[in-house]
């Protein structure tokens, strides 16, 4: 290799498997040789691709981070650089491999990510590579066991790129971590990058992306979740640069909705939203980047086979789903019309996800609607009868939780569900008063209601979970506001709530 490299004045690289067989060869120029792109680890493996990359380099110098990056980017067992002397003889050989990172460890830059062997003459490179790699993989396994459990779906790193305040970005990341946990992922790293402007190709820039990929490999992450909505071009560019599965915020929310939908209408709405989201992201069949955008988390609901349909078939499917959704919408309208004929007032519970709407519905109506302390535990709408103190009967609706930056396709697809709000005589805006960002959540819900053109409906602000606050905290919530403080789990404040509902409803309906 050294002799040929000197004669051609070009760098040469070989991919060698664990049995010592040459899998592939690459010829570069005088200063650079690229690793021939190979698939990631074989089925059943979680880390290394079982290949080493051995390359020549004209002259002798120490290894630099750019030399070592292919180890993580291509999941290599190891990398060896052979210096080529002026007479074509092989000079010192430098060997390196990736080191695992402990969860919570700061992102290590430069050479700290790797183990570097001292430079040796070629005839002194007598390492037992099979044993070395076996020991390294055992070390990764031990490190993984020492860290937080991986979750049922895998491990994820979260990324937020901002041009604004870092504090706002950190708050957004807190919510993204809750979303990831709701989807069954264990978060092993959170990264915020502040830039002057977003990179049009990769959002975060090629250098930062490479650093994130290397750190993700050291943490044995399976997913990279970006706290922005990626353009189709950005999603493909990032997916093509890594074997990690890449999701953006919208795709993660869509996945949670797909996992929670139970009724026929809910499933139709989810599939419709997913297909509309993925339509501009569909590329040619067999595209390697696309394959990592689909299946499993981020591709639930329609499933991988449907998501790989060509654009025409996807559009046809969207048309079918929209017709089915229209049918469901008409049925829902008929039910609402019957309700209006009986002159029964309607009250709708709205609020940020995980504000406690289903818990409140259960407490008021003695129902058993599914409740769980996680985001979007309730997806399908629920209506129940409720008798107020003055012997008035009303219908109370539990609606899907809102969230900041709700994907537009998802909001449009769920408009039929949210139309329950349209016929409401009163909206109860339920807020988790114990949440540190409850003011931001109030504004987010107000914005969505305005977008849906429901801003003109009478509204009552209700702070829930006030049992988690002290007296001063409860006082601060209510000062300067026409609001009610309750605890749905403890049952406190509910009499005041029912009295306020009774007073705010029109006096046209009594017990039937």
Foldseek 3Di string as FASTA:
>chain_A
DLQVCLVQLWKKKFKAALVGDTDDIWIGHNADTDDPADDAPPPPDQAANRIEMEMEHEADDDDKQVNALCCLLRRHLKYKYWYHYNNSDTDWIKIKHAAADAQPDPQDDMPPRMDIDPTDGPVPPPDSSVVVSVVRVVNLVVRQVVDDDFWPQGEEEEEEEEQDDVVVVVVLVVVVCLLCVLLGGHYRYYYYHHDNAADLQQRRDPVVLSSVSSNCSSNSGQEYEYADDHDLRNLLNSLVRHVHQYYYPQLSVLQSQLVQDDDPLSLLLSVLLLLVSCLVNADDPPRNSVVSCEDDRSHHRVHDVVSNDHNVVSVVSNVVSVVVNVVVLVVVVVVVVVVVVQVAAEEEEAFAFQLCLVLLVCLQQVDCPDDDRGGFNDAAKDWDWGAFPQQFIHIYMYHTHDDAPHPPSSCVSCVSVVCSLVRHQEYEYGFALVDPPRVVRVVRRCVSCVVNVNNVHHYAYEHEPCVVDDPVSVCVVPPPHRHFYYYSVVGPRVNVVSVVVVVSGDPPTHND
